[in-house]
Amino acid sequence: MTGIRADAAAWKILPTLAGQPAVNVRYLKSALGLGEMAALRALDALTERDVLTETTGKSRGRVWQHRAIFEVLDSYASVIRRMSAR
């Protein structure tokens, strides 16, 4: 997170990702009270630092994901499936 100001919106997004690892601008505006431009700048900053990945490839209706959180959830789901198959 080098180069991101201490008061930047990107820092507000990080704790939210644990419970909501896929976000869009509308969600950030609603959940965190960010303005559209602040949300977009924060998402760009987090994407540039490989914290988030933009997954839609669109110019509108874009969604960003924290892939590492999804990997942990997928791994946990695999364990649960194996345990329930026994």
PDB file of N, CA and C in Angstrom:
ATOM      1  N   MET A   1       0.822  -1.189   0.000  1.00  0.00           N
ATOM      2  CA  MET A   1       0.000   0.000   0.000  1.00  0.00           C
ATOM      3  C   MET A   1       0.866   1.254   0.000  1.00  0.00           C
ATOM      4  N   THR A   2       2.097   1.072  -0.424  1.00  0.00           N
ATOM      5  CA  THR A   2       3.023   2.182  -0.524  1.00  0.00           C
ATOM      6  C   THR A   2       2.468   3.253  -1.457  1.00  0.00           C
ATOM      7  N   GLY A   3       2.593   4.488  -1.031  1.00  0.00           N
ATOM      8  CA  GLY A   3       2.178   5.601  -1.867  1.00  0.00           C
ATOM      9  C   GLY A   3       0.737   6.015  -1.696  1.00  0.00           C
ATOM     10  N   ILE A   4      -0.013   5.328  -0.864  1.00  0.00           N
ATOM     11  CA  ILE A   4      -1.404   5.711  -0.621  1.00  0.00           C
ATOM     12  C   ILE A   4      -1.453   6.526   0.668  1.00  0.00           C
ATOM     13  N   ARG A   5      -2.030   7.719   0.554  1.00  0.00           N
ATOM     14  CA  ARG A   5      -2.129   8.599   1.723  1.00  0.00           C
ATOM     15  C   ARG A   5      -2.886   7.911   2.859  1.00  0.00           C
ATOM     16  N   ALA A   6      -2.553   8.270   4.072  1.00  0.00           N
ATOM     17  CA  ALA A   6      -3.180   7.661   5.247  1.00  0.00           C
ATOM     18  C   ALA A   6      -4.679   7.923   5.309  1.00  0.00           C
ATOM     19  N   ASP A   7      -5.136   9.013   4.724  1.00  0.00           N
ATOM     20  CA  ASP A   7      -6.563   9.345   4.771  1.00  0.00           C
ATOM     21  C   ASP A   7      -7.302   8.958   3.485  1.00  0.00           C
ATOM     22  N   ALA A   8      -6.678   8.191   2.618  1.00  0.00           N
ATOM     23  CA  ALA A   8      -7.275   7.812   1.338  1.00  0.00           C
ATOM     24  C   ALA A   8      -8.408   6.800   1.537  1.00  0.00           C
ATOM     25  N   ALA A   9      -9.374   6.836   0.628  1.00  0.00           N
ATOM     26  CA  ALA A   9     -10.532   5.942   0.690  1.00  0.00           C
ATOM     27  C   ALA A   9     -10.131   4.473   0.575  1.00  0.00           C
ATOM     28  N   ALA A  10      -9.008   4.186  -0.059  1.00  0.00           N
ATOM     29  CA  ALA A  10      -8.571   2.788  -0.201  1.00  0.00           C
ATOM     30  C   ALA A  10      -8.433   2.119   1.166  1.00  0.00           C
ATOM     31  N   TRP A  11      -7.994   2.854   2.163  1.00  0.00           N
ATOM     32  CA  TRP A  11      -7.840   2.290   3.506  1.00  0.00           C
ATOM     33  C   TRP A  11      -9.189   1.946   4.114  1.00  0.00           C
ATOM     34  N   LYS A  12     -10.236   2.675   3.747  1.00  0.00           N
ATOM     35  CA  LYS A  12     -11.578   2.386   4.260  1.00  0.00           C
ATOM     36  C   LYS A  12     -12.143   1.110   3.644  1.00  0.00           C
ATOM     37  N   ILE A  13     -11.729   0.815   2.426  1.00  0.00           N
ATOM     38  CA  ILE A  13     -12.252  -0.356   1.722  1.00  0.00           C
ATOM     39  C   ILE A  13     -11.664  -1.653   2.275  1.00  0.00           C
ATOM     40  N   LEU A  14     -10.407  -1.644   2.647  1.00  0.00           N
ATOM     41  CA  LEU A  14      -9.720  -2.876   3.054  1.00  0.00           C
ATOM     42  C   LEU A  14     -10.462  -3.687   4.111  1.00  0.00           C
ATOM     43  N   PRO A  15     -10.896  -3.106   5.241  1.00  0.00           N
ATOM     44  CA  PRO A  15     -11.583  -3.934   6.249  1.00  0.00           C
ATOM     45  C   PRO A  15     -12.914  -4.493   5.754  1.00  0.00           C
ATOM     46  N   THR A  16     -13.534  -3.811   4.829  1.00  0.00           N
ATOM     47  CA  THR A  16     -14.813  -4.244   4.276  1.00  0.00           C
ATOM     48  C   THR A  16     -14.671  -5.528   3.478  1.00  0.00           C
ATOM     49  N   LEU A  17     -13.511  -5.749   2.879  1.00  0.00           N
ATOM     50  CA  LEU A  17     -13.312  -6.887   1.980  1.00  0.00           C
ATOM     51  C   LEU A  17     -13.409  -8.241   2.676  1.00  0.00           C
ATOM     52  N   ALA A  18     -13.149  -8.289   3.972  1.00  0.00           N
ATOM     53  CA  ALA A  18     -13.244  -9.569   4.678  1.00  0.00           C
ATOM     54  C   ALA A  18     -14.667 -10.119   4.634  1.00  0.00           C
ATOM     55  N   GLY A  19     -15.646  -9.250   4.756  1.00  0.00           N
ATOM     56  CA  GLY A  19     -17.036  -9.686   4.721  1.00  0.00           C
ATOM     57  C   GLY A  19     -17.694  -9.545   3.362  1.00  0.00           C
ATOM     58  N   GLN A  20     -17.071  -8.779   2.485  1.00  0.00           N
ATOM     59  CA  GLN A  20     -17.612  -8.517   1.145  1.00  0.00           C
ATOM     60  C   GLN A  20     -16.449  -8.495   0.157  1.00  0.00           C
ATOM     61  N   PRO A  21     -15.946  -9.689  -0.238  1.00  0.00           N
ATOM     62  CA  PRO A  21     -14.744  -9.726  -1.080  1.00  0.00           C
ATOM     63  C   PRO A  21     -14.967  -9.365  -2.552  1.00  0.00           C
ATOM     64  N   ALA A  22     -16.211  -9.142  -2.945  1.00  0.00           N
ATOM     65  CA  ALA A  22     -16.520  -8.649  -4.292  1.00  0.00           C
ATOM     66  C   ALA A  22     -17.294  -7.347  -4.120  1.00  0.00           C
ATOM     67  N   VAL A  23     -16.786  -6.280  -4.717  1.00  0.00           N
ATOM     68  CA  VAL A  23     -17.403  -4.970  -4.535  1.00  0.00           C
ATOM     69  C   VAL A  23     -17.550  -4.259  -5.873  1.00  0.00           C
ATOM     70  N   ASN A  24     -18.450  -3.292  -5.877  1.00  0.00           N
ATOM     71  CA  ASN A  24     -18.574  -2.391  -7.016  1.00  0.00           C
ATOM     72  C   ASN A  24     -18.744  -0.975  -6.465  1.00  0.00           C
ATOM     73  N   VAL A  25     -18.778  -0.002  -7.340  1.00  0.00           N
ATOM     74  CA  VAL A  25     -18.867   1.389  -6.901  1.00  0.00           C
ATOM     75  C   VAL A  25     -20.156   1.622  -6.130  1.00  0.00           C
ATOM     76  N   ARG A  26     -21.256   1.079  -6.622  1.00  0.00           N
ATOM     77  CA  ARG A  26     -22.539   1.281  -5.945  1.00  0.00           C
ATOM     78  C   ARG A  26     -22.490   0.788  -4.501  1.00  0.00           C
ATOM     79  N   TYR A  27     -21.890  -0.388  -4.293  1.00  0.00           N
ATOM     80  CA  TYR A  27     -21.768  -0.924  -2.941  1.00  0.00           C
ATOM     81  C   TYR A  27     -20.919  -0.007  -2.058  1.00  0.00           C
ATOM     82  N   LEU A  28     -19.799   0.453  -2.570  1.00  0.00           N
ATOM     83  CA  LEU A  28     -18.914   1.311  -1.773  1.00  0.00           C
ATOM     84  C   LEU A  28     -19.573   2.643  -1.436  1.00  0.00           C
ATOM     85  N   LYS A  29     -20.353   3.170  -2.356  1.00  0.00           N
ATOM     86  CA  LYS A  29     -21.087   4.403  -2.085  1.00  0.00           C
ATOM     87  C   LYS A  29     -22.099   4.177  -0.969  1.00  0.00           C
ATOM     88  N   SER A  30     -22.805   3.075  -1.034  1.00  0.00           N
ATOM     89  CA  SER A  30     -23.841   2.775  -0.051  1.00  0.00           C
ATOM     90  C   SER A  30     -23.262   2.385   1.310  1.00  0.00           C
ATOM     91  N   ALA A  31     -22.326   1.455   1.312  1.00  0.00           N
ATOM     92  CA  ALA A  31     -21.793   0.898   2.564  1.00  0.00           C
ATOM     93  C   ALA A  31     -20.841   1.842   3.280  1.00  0.00           C
ATOM     94  N   LEU A  32     -20.026   2.562   2.506  1.00  0.00           N
ATOM     95  CA  LEU A  32     -18.987   3.400   3.117  1.00  0.00           C
ATOM     96  C   LEU A  32     -19.230   4.893   2.967  1.00  0.00           C
ATOM     97  N   GLY A  33     -20.241   5.246   2.199  1.00  0.00           N
ATOM     98  CA  GLY A  33     -20.535   6.661   2.004  1.00  0.00           C
ATOM     99  C   GLY A  33     -19.530   7.377   1.116  1.00  0.00           C
ATOM    100  N   LEU A  34     -18.842   6.634   0.273  1.00  0.00           N
ATOM    101  CA  LEU A  34     -17.860   7.248  -0.617  1.00  0.00           C
ATOM    102  C   LEU A  34     -18.564   7.884  -1.812  1.00  0.00           C
ATOM    103  N   GLY A  35     -17.976   8.917  -2.349  1.00  0.00           N
ATOM    104  CA  GLY A  35     -18.447   9.460  -3.601  1.00  0.00           C
ATOM    105  C   GLY A  35     -17.978   8.575  -4.742  1.00  0.00           C
ATOM    106  N   GLU A  36     -18.591   8.736  -5.901  1.00  0.00           N
ATOM    107  CA  GLU A  36     -18.252   7.875  -7.032  1.00  0.00           C
ATOM    108  C   GLU A  36     -16.786   7.990  -7.430  1.00  0.00           C
ATOM    109  N   MET A  37     -16.279   9.198  -7.540  1.00  0.00           N
ATOM    110  CA  MET A  37     -14.881   9.381  -7.954  1.00  0.00           C
ATOM    111  C   MET A  37     -13.913   8.864  -6.899  1.00  0.00           C
ATOM    112  N   ALA A  38     -14.239   9.082  -5.624  1.00  0.00           N
ATOM    113  CA  ALA A  38     -13.375   8.571  -4.550  1.00  0.00           C
ATOM    114  C   ALA A  38     -13.339   7.048  -4.588  1.00  0.00           C
ATOM    115  N   ALA A  39     -14.498   6.427  -4.811  1.00  0.00           N
ATOM    116  CA  ALA A  39     -14.552   4.966  -4.892  1.00  0.00           C
ATOM    117  C   ALA A  39     -13.736   4.459  -6.075  1.00  0.00           C
ATOM    118  N   LEU A  40     -13.886   5.095  -7.224  1.00  0.00           N
ATOM    119  CA  LEU A  40     -13.134   4.675  -8.411  1.00  0.00           C
ATOM    120  C   LEU A  40     -11.630   4.849  -8.226  1.00  0.00           C
ATOM    121  N   ARG A  41     -11.213   5.961  -7.645  1.00  0.00           N
ATOM    122  CA  ARG A  41      -9.773   6.172  -7.387  1.00  0.00           C
ATOM    123  C   ARG A  41      -9.242   5.114  -6.426  1.00  0.00           C
ATOM    124  N   ALA A  42     -10.017   4.810  -5.396  1.00  0.00           N
ATOM    125  CA  ALA A  42      -9.586   3.803  -4.422  1.00  0.00           C
ATOM    126  C   ALA A  42      -9.493   2.425  -5.073  1.00  0.00           C
ATOM    127  N   LEU A  43     -10.482   2.084  -5.889  1.00  0.00           N
ATOM    128  CA  LEU A  43     -10.455   0.794  -6.581  1.00  0.00           C
ATOM    129  C   LEU A  43      -9.273   0.710  -7.540  1.00  0.00           C
ATOM    130  N   ASP A  44      -8.995   1.798  -8.229  1.00  0.00           N
ATOM    131  CA  ASP A  44      -7.819   1.829  -9.113  1.00  0.00           C
ATOM    132  C   ASP A  44      -6.532   1.629  -8.326  1.00  0.00           C
ATOM    133  N   ALA A  45      -6.419   2.318  -7.196  1.00  0.00           N
ATOM    134  CA  ALA A  45      -5.214   2.206  -6.366  1.00  0.00           C
ATOM    135  C   ALA A  45      -5.037   0.772  -5.863  1.00  0.00           C
ATOM    136  N   LEU A  46      -6.122   0.145  -5.425  1.00  0.00           N
ATOM    137  CA  LEU A  46      -6.040  -1.230  -4.922  1.00  0.00           C
ATOM    138  C   LEU A  46      -5.771  -2.226  -6.048  1.00  0.00           C
ATOM    139  N   THR A  47      -6.265  -1.937  -7.238  1.00  0.00           N
ATOM    140  CA  THR A  47      -6.004  -2.799  -8.389  1.00  0.00           C
ATOM    141  C   THR A  47      -4.542  -2.686  -8.817  1.00  0.00           C
ATOM    142  N   GLU A  48      -4.020  -1.475  -8.840  1.00  0.00           N
ATOM    143  CA  GLU A  48      -2.614  -1.268  -9.213  1.00  0.00           C
ATOM    144  C   GLU A  48      -1.667  -1.995  -8.272  1.00  0.00           C
ATOM    145  N   ARG A  49      -2.081  -2.177  -7.026  1.00  0.00           N
ATOM    146  CA  ARG A  49      -1.233  -2.829  -6.028  1.00  0.00           C
ATOM    147  C   ARG A  49      -1.577  -4.312  -5.873  1.00  0.00           C
ATOM    148  N   ASP A  50      -2.364  -4.848  -6.792  1.00  0.00           N
ATOM    149  CA  ASP A  50      -2.745  -6.270  -6.809  1.00  0.00           C
ATOM    150  C   ASP A  50      -3.509  -6.721  -5.569  1.00  0.00           C
ATOM    151  N   VAL A  51      -4.180  -5.796  -4.908  1.00  0.00           N
ATOM    152  CA  VAL A  51      -5.061  -6.167  -3.799  1.00  0.00           C
ATOM    153  C   VAL A  51      -6.384  -6.654  -4.374  1.00  0.00           C
ATOM    154  N   LEU A  52      -6.875  -5.955  -5.382  1.00  0.00           N
ATOM    155  CA  LEU A  52      -8.122  -6.302  -6.043  1.00  0.00           C
ATOM    156  C   LEU A  52      -7.873  -6.611  -7.514  1.00  0.00           C
ATOM    157  N   THR A  53      -8.800  -7.356  -8.095  1.00  0.00           N
ATOM    158  CA  THR A  53      -8.775  -7.654  -9.524  1.00  0.00           C
ATOM    159  C   THR A  53     -10.131  -7.282 -10.100  1.00  0.00           C
ATOM    160  N   GLU A  54     -10.125  -6.517 -11.174  1.00  0.00           N
ATOM    161  CA  GLU A  54     -11.378  -6.185 -11.860  1.00  0.00           C
ATOM    162  C   GLU A  54     -11.741  -7.398 -12.689  1.00  0.00           C
ATOM    163  N   THR A  55     -12.963  -7.911 -12.519  1.00  0.00           N
ATOM    164  CA  THR A  55     -13.304  -9.203 -13.095  1.00  0.00           C
ATOM    165  C   THR A  55     -14.248  -9.157 -14.297  1.00  0.00           C
ATOM    166  N   THR A  56     -14.852  -8.016 -14.569  1.00  0.00           N
ATOM    167  CA  THR A  56     -15.860  -7.988 -15.628  1.00  0.00           C
ATOM    168  C   THR A  56     -15.291  -7.614 -16.987  1.00  0.00           C
ATOM    169  N   GLY A  57     -14.248  -6.788 -17.011  1.00  0.00           N
ATOM    170  CA  GLY A  57     -13.691  -6.328 -18.274  1.00  0.00           C
ATOM    171  C   GLY A  57     -14.591  -5.341 -18.998  1.00  0.00           C
ATOM    172  N   LYS A  58     -15.564  -4.807 -18.307  1.00  0.00           N
ATOM    173  CA  LYS A  58     -16.505  -3.853 -18.898  1.00  0.00           C
ATOM    174  C   LYS A  58     -16.126  -2.432 -18.502  1.00  0.00           C
ATOM    175  N   SER A  59     -16.766  -1.475 -19.154  1.00  0.00           N
ATOM    176  CA  SER A  59     -16.562  -0.084 -18.742  1.00  0.00           C
ATOM    177  C   SER A  59     -17.655   0.350 -17.767  1.00  0.00           C
ATOM    178  N   ARG A  60     -18.776  -0.352 -17.750  1.00  0.00           N
ATOM    179  CA  ARG A  60     -19.870  -0.079 -16.810  1.00  0.00           C
ATOM    180  C   ARG A  60     -20.200  -1.357 -16.049  1.00  0.00           C
ATOM    181  N   GLY A  61     -20.745  -1.188 -14.866  1.00  0.00           N
ATOM    182  CA  GLY A  61     -21.127  -2.356 -14.082  1.00  0.00           C
ATOM    183  C   GLY A  61     -19.951  -3.214 -13.669  1.00  0.00           C
ATOM    184  N   ARG A  62     -18.823  -2.573 -13.426  1.00  0.00           N
ATOM    185  CA  ARG A  62     -17.607  -3.312 -13.096  1.00  0.00           C
ATOM    186  C   ARG A  62     -17.654  -3.863 -11.671  1.00  0.00           C
ATOM    187  N   VAL A  63     -16.976  -4.989 -11.471  1.00  0.00           N
ATOM    188  CA  VAL A  63     -16.885  -5.641 -10.169  1.00  0.00           C
ATOM    189  C   VAL A  63     -15.419  -5.953  -9.901  1.00  0.00           C
ATOM    190  N   TRP A  64     -14.994  -5.693  -8.672  1.00  0.00           N
ATOM    191  CA  TRP A  64     -13.627  -5.977  -8.244  1.00  0.00           C
ATOM    192  C   TRP A  64     -13.683  -7.050  -7.171  1.00  0.00           C
ATOM    193  N   GLN A  65     -12.705  -7.964  -7.187  1.00  0.00           N
ATOM    194  CA  GLN A  65     -12.659  -9.055  -6.214  1.00  0.00           C
ATOM    195  C   GLN A  65     -11.306  -9.113  -5.524  1.00  0.00           C
ATOM    196  N   HIS A  66     -11.367  -9.537  -4.273  1.00  0.00           N
ATOM    197  CA  HIS A  66     -10.147  -9.856  -3.534  1.00  0.00           C
ATOM    198  C   HIS A  66      -9.973 -11.368  -3.687  1.00  0.00           C
ATOM    199  N   ARG A  67      -9.171 -11.766  -4.641  1.00  0.00           N
ATOM    200  CA  ARG A  67      -9.052 -13.184  -4.990  1.00  0.00           C
ATOM    201  C   ARG A  67      -8.549 -14.053  -3.838  1.00  0.00           C
ATOM    202  N   ALA A  68      -7.660 -13.532  -3.012  1.00  0.00           N
ATOM    203  CA  ALA A  68      -7.114 -14.340  -1.915  1.00  0.00           C
ATOM    204  C   ALA A  68      -8.214 -14.745  -0.937  1.00  0.00           C
ATOM    205  N   ILE A  69      -9.158 -13.863  -0.672  1.00  0.00           N
ATOM    206  CA  ILE A  69     -10.260 -14.213   0.231  1.00  0.00           C
ATOM    207  C   ILE A  69     -11.121 -15.297  -0.410  1.00  0.00           C
ATOM    208  N   PHE A  70     -11.398 -15.176  -1.706  1.00  0.00           N
ATOM    209  CA  PHE A  70     -12.165 -16.215  -2.388  1.00  0.00           C
ATOM    210  C   PHE A  70     -11.420 -17.542  -2.396  1.00  0.00           C
ATOM    211  N   GLU A  71     -10.111 -17.519  -2.508  1.00  0.00           N
ATOM    212  CA  GLU A  71      -9.330 -18.764  -2.465  1.00  0.00           C
ATOM    213  C   GLU A  71      -9.462 -19.439  -1.108  1.00  0.00           C
ATOM    214  N   VAL A  72      -9.426 -18.664  -0.039  1.00  0.00           N
ATOM    215  CA  VAL A  72      -9.596 -19.216   1.310  1.00  0.00           C
ATOM    216  C   VAL A  72     -10.994 -19.809   1.447  1.00  0.00           C
ATOM    217  N   LEU A  73     -12.006 -19.093   0.970  1.00  0.00           N
ATOM    218  CA  LEU A  73     -13.377 -19.595   1.058  1.00  0.00           C
ATOM    219  C   LEU A  73     -13.558 -20.864   0.232  1.00  0.00           C
ATOM    220  N   ASP A  74     -12.968 -20.910  -0.954  1.00  0.00           N
ATOM    221  CA  ASP A  74     -13.050 -22.108  -1.793  1.00  0.00           C
ATOM    222  C   ASP A  74     -12.374 -23.298  -1.124  1.00  0.00           C
ATOM    223  N   SER A  75     -11.231 -23.058  -0.506  1.00  0.00           N
ATOM    224  CA  SER A  75     -10.511 -24.120   0.193  1.00  0.00           C
ATOM    225  C   SER A  75     -11.343 -24.653   1.354  1.00  0.00           C
ATOM    226  N   TYR A  76     -11.936 -23.757   2.103  1.00  0.00           N
ATOM    227  CA  TYR A  76     -12.778 -24.150   3.231  1.00  0.00           C
ATOM    228  C   TYR A  76     -13.990 -24.949   2.740  1.00  0.00           C
ATOM    229  N   ALA A  77     -14.601 -24.515   1.645  1.00  0.00           N
ATOM    230  CA  ALA A  77     -15.747 -25.238   1.083  1.00  0.00           C
ATOM    231  C   ALA A  77     -15.339 -26.650   0.666  1.00  0.00           C
ATOM    232  N   SER A  78     -14.142 -26.806   0.122  1.00  0.00           N
ATOM    233  CA  SER A  78     -13.653 -28.139  -0.266  1.00  0.00           C
ATOM    234  C   SER A  78     -13.521 -29.044   0.944  1.00  0.00           C
ATOM    235  N   VAL A  79     -13.009 -28.510   2.032  1.00  0.00           N
ATOM    236  CA  VAL A  79     -12.865 -29.289   3.266  1.00  0.00           C
ATOM    237  C   VAL A  79     -14.234 -29.726   3.766  1.00  0.00           C
ATOM    238  N   ILE A  80     -15.180 -28.828   3.755  1.00  0.00           N
ATOM    239  CA  ILE A  80     -16.530 -29.153   4.229  1.00  0.00           C
ATOM    240  C   ILE A  80     -17.168 -30.223   3.347  1.00  0.00           C
ATOM    241  N   ARG A  81     -16.980 -30.121   2.040  1.00  0.00           N
ATOM    242  CA  ARG A  81     -17.543 -31.132   1.130  1.00  0.00           C
ATOM    243  C   ARG A  81     -16.941 -32.513   1.404  1.00  0.00           C
ATOM    244  N   ARG A  82     -15.620 -32.538   1.636  1.00  0.00           N
ATOM    245  CA  ARG A  82     -14.962 -33.821   1.905  1.00  0.00           C
ATOM    246  C   ARG A  82     -15.489 -34.411   3.224  1.00  0.00           C
ATOM    247  N   MET A  83     -15.665 -33.564   4.226  1.00  0.00           N
ATOM    248  CA  MET A  83     -16.125 -34.046   5.529  1.00  0.00           C
ATOM    249  C   MET A  83     -17.572 -34.541   5.447  1.00  0.00           C
ATOM    250  N   SER A  84     -18.398 -33.867   4.664  1.00  0.00           N
ATOM    251  CA  SER A  84     -19.802 -34.294   4.572  1.00  0.00           C
ATOM    252  C   SER A  84     -19.962 -35.518   3.683  1.00  0.00           C
ATOM    253  N   ALA A  85     -18.970 -35.834   2.859  1.00  0.00           N
ATOM    254  CA  ALA A  85     -19.049 -37.008   1.981  1.00  0.00           C
ATOM    255  C   ALA A  85     -18.708 -38.290   2.741  1.00  0.00           C
ATOM    256  N   ARG A  86     -18.153 -38.148   3.907  1.00  0.00           N
ATOM    257  CA  ARG A  86     -17.737 -39.330   4.683  1.00  0.00           C
ATOM    258  C   ARG A  86     -18.898 -40.064   5.246  1.00  0.00           C
TER     259      ARG A  86
END
